[in-house]
PDB file of N, CA and C in Angstrom:
ATOM      1  N   MET A   1     116.672 100.353 105.183  1.00  0.00           N
ATOM      2  CA  MET A   1     115.283 100.015 105.348  1.00  0.00           C
ATOM      3  C   MET A   1     114.929  99.989 106.823  1.00  0.00           C
ATOM      4  N   ALA A   2     113.858 100.686 107.167  1.00  0.00           N
ATOM      5  CA  ALA A   2     113.373 100.697 108.539  1.00  0.00           C
ATOM      6  C   ALA A   2     111.866 100.474 108.507  1.00  0.00           C
ATOM      7  N   ILE A   3     111.453  99.231 108.739  1.00  0.00           N
ATOM      8  CA  ILE A   3     110.041  98.876 108.686  1.00  0.00           C
ATOM      9  C   ILE A   3     109.434  99.009 110.081  1.00  0.00           C
ATOM     10  N   CYS A   4     108.322  99.712 110.177  1.00  0.00           N
ATOM     11  CA  CYS A   4     107.626  99.897 111.451  1.00  0.00           C
ATOM     12  C   CYS A   4     106.954  98.592 111.857  1.00  0.00           C
ATOM     13  N   SER A   5     107.120  98.196 113.119  1.00  0.00           N
ATOM     14  CA  SER A   5     106.516  96.958 113.613  1.00  0.00           C
ATOM     15  C   SER A   5     105.014  97.101 113.837  1.00  0.00           C
ATOM     16  N   HIS A   6     104.516  98.326 113.889  1.00  0.00           N
ATOM     17  CA  HIS A   6     103.095  98.551 114.167  1.00  0.00           C
ATOM     18  C   HIS A   6     102.279  98.691 112.876  1.00  0.00           C
ATOM     19  N   CYS A   7     102.750  99.529 111.961  1.00  0.00           N
ATOM     20  CA  CYS A   7     101.972  99.778 110.732  1.00  0.00           C
ATOM     21  C   CYS A   7     102.517  99.025 109.518  1.00  0.00           C
ATOM     22  N   GLY A   8     103.761  98.552 109.601  1.00  0.00           N
ATOM     23  CA  GLY A   8     104.355  97.825 108.489  1.00  0.00           C
ATOM     24  C   GLY A   8     104.891  98.712 107.384  1.00  0.00           C
ATOM     25  N   GLY A   9     104.857 100.028 107.594  1.00  0.00           N
ATOM     26  CA  GLY A   9     105.334 100.971 106.585  1.00  0.00           C
ATOM     27  C   GLY A   9     106.828 101.221 106.663  1.00  0.00           C
ATOM     28  N   GLU A  10     107.379 101.732 105.591  1.00  0.00           N
ATOM     29  CA  GLU A  10     108.799 102.089 105.514  1.00  0.00           C
ATOM     30  C   GLU A  10     108.968 103.482 106.135  1.00  0.00           C
ATOM     31  N   MET A  11     109.621 103.555 107.289  1.00  0.00           N
ATOM     32  CA  MET A  11     109.741 104.814 108.025  1.00  0.00           C
ATOM     33  C   MET A  11     110.592 105.854 107.309  1.00  0.00           C
ATOM     34  N   THR A  12     111.540 105.423 106.475  1.00  0.00           N
ATOM     35  CA  THR A  12     112.383 106.392 105.777  1.00  0.00           C
ATOM     36  C   THR A  12     111.639 107.097 104.652  1.00  0.00           C
ATOM     37  N   ASP A  13     110.413 106.640 104.333  1.00  0.00           N
ATOM     38  CA  ASP A  13     109.591 107.300 103.317  1.00  0.00           C
ATOM     39  C   ASP A  13     108.849 108.505 103.871  1.00  0.00           C
ATOM     40  N   GLY A  14     108.960 108.758 105.187  1.00  0.00           N
ATOM     41  CA  GLY A  14     108.287 109.901 105.797  1.00  0.00           C
ATOM     42  C   GLY A  14     106.787 109.724 105.900  1.00  0.00           C
ATOM     43  N   ILE A  15     106.356 108.541 106.339  1.00  0.00           N
ATOM     44  CA  ILE A  15     104.919 108.284 106.480  1.00  0.00           C
ATOM     45  C   ILE A  15     104.523 108.282 107.950  1.00  0.00           C
ATOM     46  N   SER A  16     103.260 108.551 108.203  1.00  0.00           N
ATOM     47  CA  SER A  16     102.713 108.523 109.559  1.00  0.00           C
ATOM     48  C   SER A  16     102.375 107.092 109.934  1.00  0.00           C
ATOM     49  N   CYS A  17     102.405 106.809 111.229  1.00  0.00           N
ATOM     50  CA  CYS A  17     102.018 105.489 111.716  1.00  0.00           C
ATOM     51  C   CYS A  17     100.499 105.440 111.855  1.00  0.00           C
ATOM     52  N   LEU A  18      99.973 104.300 112.291  1.00  0.00           N
ATOM     53  CA  LEU A  18      98.536 104.134 112.474  1.00  0.00           C
ATOM     54  C   LEU A  18      98.035 105.041 113.597  1.00  0.00           C
ATOM     55  N   THR A  19      96.785 105.423 113.517  1.00  0.00           N
ATOM     56  CA  THR A  19      96.207 106.329 114.513  1.00  0.00           C
ATOM     57  C   THR A  19      95.413 105.583 115.579  1.00  0.00           C
ATOM     58  N   ASP A  20      95.745 104.314 115.802  1.00  0.00           N
ATOM     59  CA  ASP A  20      95.057 103.521 116.826  1.00  0.00           C
ATOM     60  C   ASP A  20      95.209 104.189 118.187  1.00  0.00           C
ATOM     61  N   PRO A  21      94.169 104.121 119.033  1.00  0.00           N
ATOM     62  CA  PRO A  21      94.309 104.682 120.376  1.00  0.00           C
ATOM     63  C   PRO A  21      95.350 103.907 121.177  1.00  0.00           C
ATOM     64  N   ILE A  22      95.979 104.588 122.110  1.00  0.00           N
ATOM     65  CA  ILE A  22      96.977 103.971 122.987  1.00  0.00           C
ATOM     66  C   ILE A  22      96.283 103.689 124.312  1.00  0.00           C
ATOM     67  N   VAL A  23      96.260 102.425 124.736  1.00  0.00           N
ATOM     68  CA  VAL A  23      95.583 102.044 125.974  1.00  0.00           C
ATOM     69  C   VAL A  23      96.601 102.051 127.109  1.00  0.00           C
ATOM     70  N   ILE A  24      96.343 102.902 128.103  1.00  0.00           N
ATOM     71  CA  ILE A  24      97.213 103.019 129.276  1.00  0.00           C
ATOM     72  C   ILE A  24      96.321 102.921 130.509  1.00  0.00           C
ATOM     73  N   GLY A  25      96.568 101.929 131.331  1.00  0.00           N
ATOM     74  CA  GLY A  25      95.783 101.752 132.544  1.00  0.00           C
ATOM     75  C   GLY A  25      94.301 101.540 132.277  1.00  0.00           C
ATOM     76  N   GLY A  26      93.969 100.874 131.181  1.00  0.00           N
ATOM     77  CA  GLY A  26      92.586 100.602 130.844  1.00  0.00           C
ATOM     78  C   GLY A  26      91.846 101.755 130.187  1.00  0.00           C
ATOM     79  N   LYS A  27      92.520 102.876 129.985  1.00  0.00           N
ATOM     80  CA  LYS A  27      91.903 104.051 129.365  1.00  0.00           C
ATOM     81  C   LYS A  27      92.548 104.288 127.999  1.00  0.00           C
ATOM     82  N   ALA A  28      91.720 104.575 126.992  1.00  0.00           N
ATOM     83  CA  ALA A  28      92.230 104.814 125.639  1.00  0.00           C
ATOM     84  C   ALA A  28      92.575 106.285 125.456  1.00  0.00           C
ATOM     85  N   TYR A  29      93.778 106.541 124.953  1.00  0.00           N
ATOM     86  CA  TYR A  29      94.255 107.895 124.695  1.00  0.00           C
ATOM     87  C   TYR A  29      94.521 108.058 123.201  1.00  0.00           C
ATOM     88  N   VAL A  30      94.285 109.254 122.705  1.00  0.00           N
ATOM     89  CA  VAL A  30      94.618 109.584 121.324  1.00  0.00           C
ATOM     90  C   VAL A  30      96.113 109.886 121.285  1.00  0.00           C
ATOM     91  N   PRO A  31      96.866 109.316 120.327  1.00  0.00           N
ATOM     92  CA  PRO A  31      98.303 109.602 120.266  1.00  0.00           C
ATOM     93  C   PRO A  31      98.562 111.089 120.009  1.00  0.00           C
ATOM     94  N   ILE A  32      99.607 111.606 120.607  1.00  0.00           N
ATOM     95  CA  ILE A  32      99.991 113.002 120.383  1.00  0.00           C
ATOM     96  C   ILE A  32     100.739 113.064 119.055  1.00  0.00           C
ATOM     97  N   ARG A  33     100.242 113.876 118.157  1.00  0.00           N
ATOM     98  CA  ARG A  33     100.823 113.972 116.817  1.00  0.00           C
ATOM     99  C   ARG A  33     102.060 114.867 116.816  1.00  0.00           C
ATOM    100  N   TRP A  34     102.952 114.621 115.860  1.00  0.00           N
ATOM    101  CA  TRP A  34     104.176 115.400 115.706  1.00  0.00           C
ATOM    102  C   TRP A  34     103.798 116.855 115.414  1.00  0.00           C
ATOM    103  N   GLY A  35     104.308 117.758 116.226  1.00  0.00           N
ATOM    104  CA  GLY A  35     104.008 119.174 116.081  1.00  0.00           C
ATOM    105  C   GLY A  35     102.918 119.651 117.016  1.00  0.00           C
ATOM    106  N   GLN A  36     102.224 118.722 117.682  1.00  0.00           N
ATOM    107  CA  GLN A  36     101.153 119.091 118.610  1.00  0.00           C
ATOM    108  C   GLN A  36     101.512 118.769 120.056  1.00  0.00           C
ATOM    109  N   GLU A  37     102.804 118.621 120.326  1.00  0.00           N
ATOM    110  CA  GLU A  37     103.269 118.328 121.671  1.00  0.00           C
ATOM    111  C   GLU A  37     103.005 119.530 122.585  1.00  0.00           C
ATOM    112  N   PRO A  38     102.837 119.261 123.883  1.00  0.00           N
ATOM    113  CA  PRO A  38     102.574 120.372 124.809  1.00  0.00           C
ATOM    114  C   PRO A  38     103.828 121.173 125.166  1.00  0.00           C
ATOM    115  N   ARG A  39     104.644 121.437 124.197  1.00  0.00           N
ATOM    116  CA  ARG A  39     105.849 122.246 124.375  1.00  0.00           C
ATOM    117  C   ARG A  39     106.012 123.092 123.118  1.00  0.00           C
ATOM    118  N   PRO A  40     106.635 124.238 123.222  1.00  0.00           N
ATOM    119  CA  PRO A  40     106.831 125.051 122.009  1.00  0.00           C
ATOM    120  C   PRO A  40     107.833 124.395 121.064  1.00  0.00           C
ATOM    121  N   ARG A  41     107.545 124.463 119.777  1.00  0.00           N
ATOM    122  CA  ARG A  41     108.472 123.946 118.777  1.00  0.00           C
ATOM    123  C   ARG A  41     109.540 124.980 118.503  1.00  0.00           C
ATOM    124  N   HIS A  42     110.749 124.529 118.358  1.00  0.00           N
ATOM    125  CA  HIS A  42     111.854 125.414 118.008  1.00  0.00           C
ATOM    126  C   HIS A  42     111.710 125.795 116.539  1.00  0.00           C
ATOM    127  N   ARG A  43     111.982 127.028 116.200  1.00  0.00           N
ATOM    128  CA  ARG A  43     111.751 127.466 114.815  1.00  0.00           C
ATOM    129  C   ARG A  43     112.664 126.773 113.806  1.00  0.00           C
ATOM    130  N   TYR A  44     113.764 126.200 114.260  1.00  0.00           N
ATOM    131  CA  TYR A  44     114.670 125.495 113.350  1.00  0.00           C
ATOM    132  C   TYR A  44     114.442 123.983 113.364  1.00  0.00           C
ATOM    133  N   GLU A  45     113.390 123.546 114.025  1.00  0.00           N
ATOM    134  CA  GLU A  45     113.090 122.120 114.079  1.00  0.00           C
ATOM    135  C   GLU A  45     112.609 121.670 112.697  1.00  0.00           C
ATOM    136  N   PRO A  46     113.054 120.506 112.233  1.00  0.00           N
ATOM    137  CA  PRO A  46     112.651 120.054 110.894  1.00  0.00           C
ATOM    138  C   PRO A  46     111.162 119.734 110.832  1.00  0.00           C
ATOM    139  N   GLU A  47     110.627 119.728 109.618  1.00  0.00           N
ATOM    140  CA  GLU A  47     109.208 119.400 109.428  1.00  0.00           C
ATOM    141  C   GLU A  47     108.935 117.931 109.765  1.00  0.00           C
ATOM    142  N   ASP A  48     109.817 117.037 109.343  1.00  0.00           N
ATOM    143  CA  ASP A  48     109.663 115.617 109.664  1.00  0.00           C
ATOM    144  C   ASP A  48     110.359 115.319 110.984  1.00  0.00           C
ATOM    145  N   CYS A  49     109.801 114.353 111.739  1.00  0.00           N
ATOM    146  CA  CYS A  49     110.416 113.952 113.001  1.00  0.00           C
ATOM    147  C   CYS A  49     111.834 113.460 112.723  1.00  0.00           C
ATOM    148  N   ARG A  50     112.782 113.923 113.492  1.00  0.00           N
ATOM    149  CA  ARG A  50     114.179 113.571 113.225  1.00  0.00           C
ATOM    150  C   ARG A  50     114.531 112.143 113.649  1.00  0.00           C
ATOM    151  N   ASP A  51     113.620 111.469 114.375  1.00  0.00           N
ATOM    152  CA  ASP A  51     113.906 110.092 114.773  1.00  0.00           C
ATOM    153  C   ASP A  51     113.161 109.074 113.912  1.00  0.00           C
ATOM    154  N   CYS A  52     111.831 109.206 113.806  1.00  0.00           N
ATOM    155  CA  CYS A  52     111.057 108.194 113.068  1.00  0.00           C
ATOM    156  C   CYS A  52     110.617 108.661 111.687  1.00  0.00           C
ATOM    157  N   GLY A  53     110.801 109.929 111.359  1.00  0.00           N
ATOM    158  CA  GLY A  53     110.518 110.427 110.020  1.00  0.00           C
ATOM    159  C   GLY A  53     109.067 110.751 109.717  1.00  0.00           C
ATOM    160  N   THR A  54     108.185 110.693 110.722  1.00  0.00           N
ATOM    161  CA  THR A  54     106.781 111.002 110.452  1.00  0.00           C
ATOM    162  C   THR A  54     106.634 112.476 110.081  1.00  0.00           C
ATOM    163  N   PRO A  55     105.747 112.801 109.151  1.00  0.00           N
ATOM    164  CA  PRO A  55     105.571 114.195 108.747  1.00  0.00           C
ATOM    165  C   PRO A  55     104.829 115.003 109.821  1.00  0.00           C
ATOM    166  N   LEU A  56     104.889 116.292 109.719  1.00  0.00           N
ATOM    167  CA  LEU A  56     104.208 117.191 110.643  1.00  0.00           C
ATOM    168  C   LEU A  56     102.718 116.854 110.676  1.00  0.00           C
ATOM    169  N   GLY A  57     102.170 116.647 111.872  1.00  0.00           N
ATOM    170  CA  GLY A  57     100.770 116.269 112.028  1.00  0.00           C
ATOM    171  C   GLY A  57     100.536 114.774 112.023  1.00  0.00           C
ATOM    172  N   GLY A  58     101.601 113.998 111.766  1.00  0.00           N
ATOM    173  CA  GLY A  58     101.484 112.539 111.734  1.00  0.00           C
ATOM    174  C   GLY A  58     101.721 111.922 113.100  1.00  0.00           C
ATOM    175  N   VAL A  59     101.411 110.640 113.216  1.00  0.00           N
ATOM    176  CA  VAL A  59     101.595 109.889 114.456  1.00  0.00           C
ATOM    177  C   VAL A  59     102.974 109.232 114.433  1.00  0.00           C
ATOM    178  N   HIS A  60     103.713 109.356 115.539  1.00  0.00           N
ATOM    179  CA  HIS A  60     105.046 108.756 115.639  1.00  0.00           C
ATOM    180  C   HIS A  60     104.970 107.239 115.573  1.00  0.00           C
ATOM    181  N   HIS A  61     106.051 106.630 115.117  1.00  0.00           N
ATOM    182  CA  HIS A  61     106.167 105.171 115.095  1.00  0.00           C
ATOM    183  C   HIS A  61     106.623 104.700 116.475  1.00  0.00           C
ATOM    184  N   PRO A  62     106.230 103.476 116.901  1.00  0.00           N
ATOM    185  CA  PRO A  62     106.620 102.968 118.215  1.00  0.00           C
ATOM    186  C   PRO A  62     108.141 102.975 118.404  1.00  0.00           C
ATOM    187  N   GLY A  63     108.577 103.391 119.571  1.00  0.00           N
ATOM    188  CA  GLY A  63     109.995 103.439 119.880  1.00  0.00           C
ATOM    189  C   GLY A  63     110.665 104.747 119.516  1.00  0.00           C
ATOM    190  N   CYS A  64     109.921 105.691 118.969  1.00  0.00           N
ATOM    191  CA  CYS A  64     110.492 106.992 118.607  1.00  0.00           C
ATOM    192  C   CYS A  64     110.867 107.738 119.881  1.00  0.00           C
ATOM    193  N   CYS A  65     112.072 108.296 119.916  1.00  0.00           N
ATOM    194  CA  CYS A  65     112.527 108.992 121.122  1.00  0.00           C
ATOM    195  C   CYS A  65     111.932 110.398 121.251  1.00  0.00           C
ATOM    196  N   ILE A  66     111.242 110.869 120.239  1.00  0.00           N
ATOM    197  CA  ILE A  66     110.615 112.195 120.278  1.00  0.00           C
ATOM    198  C   ILE A  66     109.154 112.097 120.730  1.00  0.00           C
ATOM    199  N   GLU A  67     108.532 110.943 120.574  1.00  0.00           N
ATOM    200  CA  GLU A  67     107.114 110.764 120.905  1.00  0.00           C
ATOM    201  C   GLU A  67     106.840 111.070 122.373  1.00  0.00           C
ATOM    202  N   ARG A  68     105.711 111.727 122.635  1.00  0.00           N
ATOM    203  CA  ARG A  68     105.297 112.060 123.994  1.00  0.00           C
ATOM    204  C   ARG A  68     104.179 111.114 124.427  1.00  0.00           C
ATOM    205  N   CYS A  69     104.165 110.787 125.709  1.00  0.00           N
ATOM    206  CA  CYS A  69     103.129 109.928 126.278  1.00  0.00           C
ATOM    207  C   CYS A  69     101.836 110.746 126.407  1.00  0.00           C
ATOM    208  N   PRO A  70     100.707 110.231 125.912  1.00  0.00           N
ATOM    209  CA  PRO A  70      99.464 110.994 126.020  1.00  0.00           C
ATOM    210  C   PRO A  70      98.901 111.061 127.440  1.00  0.00           C
ATOM    211  N   ALA A  71      99.380 110.200 128.340  1.00  0.00           N
ATOM    212  CA  ALA A  71      98.873 110.205 129.714  1.00  0.00           C
ATOM    213  C   ALA A  71      99.637 111.196 130.600  1.00  0.00           C
ATOM    214  N   CYS A  72     100.973 111.157 130.549  1.00  0.00           N
ATOM    215  CA  CYS A  72     101.772 112.009 131.453  1.00  0.00           C
ATOM    216  C   CYS A  72     102.528 113.111 130.722  1.00  0.00           C
ATOM    217  N   HIS A  73     102.532 113.088 129.404  1.00  0.00           N
ATOM    218  CA  HIS A  73     103.229 114.042 128.532  1.00  0.00           C
ATOM    219  C   HIS A  73     104.750 113.979 128.662  1.00  0.00           C
ATOM    220  N   GLY A  74     105.256 112.904 129.262  1.00  0.00           N
ATOM    221  CA  GLY A  74     106.695 112.688 129.310  1.00  0.00           C
ATOM    222  C   GLY A  74     107.150 111.985 128.038  1.00  0.00           C
ATOM    223  N   GLN A  75     108.438 111.666 127.971  1.00  0.00           N
ATOM    224  CA  GLN A  75     108.973 110.950 126.819  1.00  0.00           C
ATOM    225  C   GLN A  75     108.406 109.530 126.838  1.00  0.00           C
ATOM    226  N   ALA A  76     107.708 109.138 125.786  1.00  0.00           N
ATOM    227  CA  ALA A  76     106.960 107.873 125.774  1.00  0.00           C
ATOM    228  C   ALA A  76     107.836 106.639 126.007  1.00  0.00           C
ATOM    229  N   ILE A  77     109.051 106.621 125.483  1.00  0.00           N
ATOM    230  CA  ILE A  77     109.875 105.411 125.631  1.00  0.00           C
ATOM    231  C   ILE A  77     110.462 105.262 127.022  1.00  0.00           C
ATOM    232  N   SER A  78     110.366 106.303 127.861  1.00  0.00           N
ATOM    233  CA  SER A  78     110.982 106.200 129.191  1.00  0.00           C
ATOM    234  C   SER A  78     110.054 106.547 130.344  1.00  0.00           C
ATOM    235  N   CYS A  79     108.788 106.849 130.093  1.00  0.00           N
ATOM    236  CA  CYS A  79     107.908 107.314 131.172  1.00  0.00           C
ATOM    237  C   CYS A  79     107.396 106.191 132.064  1.00  0.00           C
ATOM    238  N   GLY A  80     107.256 104.982 131.565  1.00  0.00           N
ATOM    239  CA  GLY A  80     106.756 103.879 132.371  1.00  0.00           C
ATOM    240  C   GLY A  80     105.256 103.665 132.255  1.00  0.00           C
ATOM    241  N   CYS A  81     104.527 104.615 131.696  1.00  0.00           N
ATOM    242  CA  CYS A  81     103.073 104.461 131.531  1.00  0.00           C
ATOM    243  C   CYS A  81     102.745 103.351 130.554  1.00  0.00           C
ATOM    244  N   LEU A  82     103.587 103.156 129.555  1.00  0.00           N
ATOM    245  CA  LEU A  82     103.312 102.174 128.515  1.00  0.00           C
ATOM    246  C   LEU A  82     103.781 100.772 128.873  1.00  0.00           C
ATOM    247  N   ALA A  83     104.393 100.605 130.044  1.00  0.00           N
ATOM    248  CA  ALA A  83     104.850  99.284 130.461  1.00  0.00           C
ATOM    249  C   ALA A  83     103.641  98.392 130.696  1.00  0.00           C
ATOM    250  N   ASP A  84     103.679  97.192 130.162  1.00  0.00           N
ATOM    251  CA  ASP A  84     102.565  96.270 130.271  1.00  0.00           C
ATOM    252  C   ASP A  84     102.920  95.182 131.278  1.00  0.00           C
ATOM    253  N   PRO A  85     102.269  95.167 132.450  1.00  0.00           N
ATOM    254  CA  PRO A  85     102.625  94.171 133.463  1.00  0.00           C
ATOM    255  C   PRO A  85     102.338  92.740 133.046  1.00  0.00           C
ATOM    256  N   GLU A  86     101.411  92.521 132.093  1.00  0.00           N
ATOM    257  CA  GLU A  86     101.103  91.166 131.666  1.00  0.00           C
ATOM    258  C   GLU A  86     101.900  90.736 130.443  1.00  0.00           C
ATOM    259  N   CYS A  87     102.888  91.513 130.050  1.00  0.00           N
ATOM    260  CA  CYS A  87     103.672  91.206 128.870  1.00  0.00           C
ATOM    261  C   CYS A  87     104.580  90.006 129.135  1.00  0.00           C
ATOM    262  N   ALA A  88     104.444  89.007 128.304  1.00  0.00           N
ATOM    263  CA  ALA A  88     105.299  87.822 128.403  1.00  0.00           C
ATOM    264  C   ALA A  88     105.683  87.436 126.982  1.00  0.00           C
ATOM    265  N   TYR A  89     106.865  87.849 126.570  1.00  0.00           N
ATOM    266  CA  TYR A  89     107.317  87.604 125.205  1.00  0.00           C
ATOM    267  C   TYR A  89     107.396  86.114 124.935  1.00  0.00           C
ATOM    268  N   GLU A  90     106.751  85.668 123.866  1.00  0.00           N
ATOM    269  CA  GLU A  90     106.721  84.252 123.525  1.00  0.00           C
ATOM    270  C   GLU A  90     107.454  83.931 122.234  1.00  0.00           C
ATOM    271  N   GLY A  91     108.136  84.904 121.664  1.00  0.00           N
ATOM    272  CA  GLY A  91     108.855  84.649 120.425  1.00  0.00           C
ATOM    273  C   GLY A  91     107.937  84.422 119.245  1.00  0.00           C
ATOM    274  N   THR A  92     106.873  85.211 119.151  1.00  0.00           N
ATOM    275  CA  THR A  92     105.936  85.058 118.041  1.00  0.00           C
ATOM    276  C   THR A  92     106.563  85.545 116.750  1.00  0.00           C
ATOM    277  N   ARG A  93     105.923  85.186 115.643  1.00  0.00           N
ATOM    278  CA  ARG A  93     106.412  85.614 114.333  1.00  0.00           C
ATOM    279  C   ARG A  93     106.418  87.138 114.214  1.00  0.00           C
ATOM    280  N   ALA A  94     105.488  87.808 114.872  1.00  0.00           N
ATOM    281  CA  ALA A  94     105.393  89.262 114.805  1.00  0.00           C
ATOM    282  C   ALA A  94     106.450  89.949 115.673  1.00  0.00           C
ATOM    283  N   GLY A  95     107.154  89.190 116.510  1.00  0.00           N
ATOM    284  CA  GLY A  95     108.190  89.782 117.356  1.00  0.00           C
ATOM    285  C   GLY A  95     107.626  90.511 118.563  1.00  0.00           C
ATOM    286  N   ARG A  96     106.393  90.172 118.967  1.00  0.00           N
ATOM    287  CA  ARG A  96     105.763  90.787 120.129  1.00  0.00           C
ATOM    288  C   ARG A  96     105.266  89.685 121.055  1.00  0.00           C
ATOM    289  N   CYS A  97     104.870  90.083 122.252  1.00  0.00           N
ATOM    290  CA  CYS A  97     104.287  89.089 123.148  1.00  0.00           C
ATOM    291  C   CYS A  97     102.873  88.768 122.676  1.00  0.00           C
ATOM    292  N   ARG A  98     102.338  87.670 123.100  1.00  0.00           N
ATOM    293  CA  ARG A  98     101.011  87.228 122.663  1.00  0.00           C
ATOM    294  C   ARG A  98      99.932  88.239 123.043  1.00  0.00           C
ATOM    295  N   ALA A  99     100.024  88.868 124.215  1.00  0.00           N
ATOM    296  CA  ALA A  99      99.024  89.850 124.645  1.00  0.00           C
ATOM    297  C   ALA A  99      98.983  91.037 123.688  1.00  0.00           C
ATOM    298  N   HIS A 100     100.153  91.492 123.220  1.00  0.00           N
ATOM    299  CA  HIS A 100     100.185  92.623 122.299  1.00  0.00           C
ATOM    300  C   HIS A 100      99.633  92.250 120.923  1.00  0.00           C
ATOM    301  N   VAL A 101      99.901  91.047 120.467  1.00  0.00           N
ATOM    302  CA  VAL A 101      99.388  90.608 119.171  1.00  0.00           C
ATOM    303  C   VAL A 101      97.869  90.526 119.224  1.00  0.00           C
ATOM    304  N   LEU A 102      97.309  89.925 120.281  1.00  0.00           N
ATOM    305  CA  LEU A 102      95.864  89.802 120.407  1.00  0.00           C
ATOM    306  C   LEU A 102      95.192  91.159 120.557  1.00  0.00           C
ATOM    307  N   ARG A 103      95.805  92.081 121.286  1.00  0.00           N
ATOM    308  CA  ARG A 103      95.232  93.404 121.471  1.00  0.00           C
ATOM    309  C   ARG A 103      95.200  94.158 120.150  1.00  0.00           C
ATOM    310  N   ARG A 104      96.224  93.995 119.328  1.00  0.00           N
ATOM    311  CA  ARG A 104      96.301  94.719 118.069  1.00  0.00           C
ATOM    312  C   ARG A 104      95.218  94.276 117.089  1.00  0.00           C
ATOM    313  N   VAL A 105      94.905  92.992 117.083  1.00  0.00           N
ATOM    314  CA  VAL A 105      93.877  92.515 116.169  1.00  0.00           C
ATOM    315  C   VAL A 105      92.482  92.592 116.768  1.00  0.00           C
ATOM    316  N   GLY A 106      92.362  93.105 117.983  1.00  0.00           N
ATOM    317  CA  GLY A 106      91.065  93.325 118.601  1.00  0.00           C
ATOM    318  C   GLY A 106      90.440  92.124 119.279  1.00  0.00           C
ATOM    319  N   TRP A 107      91.229  91.117 119.599  1.00  0.00           N
ATOM    320  CA  TRP A 107      90.689  89.935 120.266  1.00  0.00           C
ATOM    321  C   TRP A 107      90.750  90.054 121.768  1.00  0.00           C
ATOM    322  N   ARG A 108      91.220  91.153 122.266  1.00  0.00           N
ATOM    323  CA  ARG A 108      91.397  91.285 123.698  1.00  0.00           C
ATOM    324  C   ARG A 108      90.965  92.621 124.180  1.00  0.00           C
TER     325      ARG A 108
END
């Protein structure tokens, strides 16, 4: 079982994550969908993402090593654009910092 922390879906079922915009530096970006990356796809690449299981045309789940950053087009988990300077993990029930929880529900 691999439950996505963002959408709550079972990732092994091959479902797409939520299509919420990604806020980087105060600007909202549309997530880059699987198969629409700014690089050519290899003809033997599987239809589903080999890391998070999202189907072709779907949005990657957070933490996927294949996901591209919509701001710099680098690897999202290592580019640094998504780092939140105000992040202070408080051990919430959701397993995120308070700023991320409030942003997700639209209170911030």
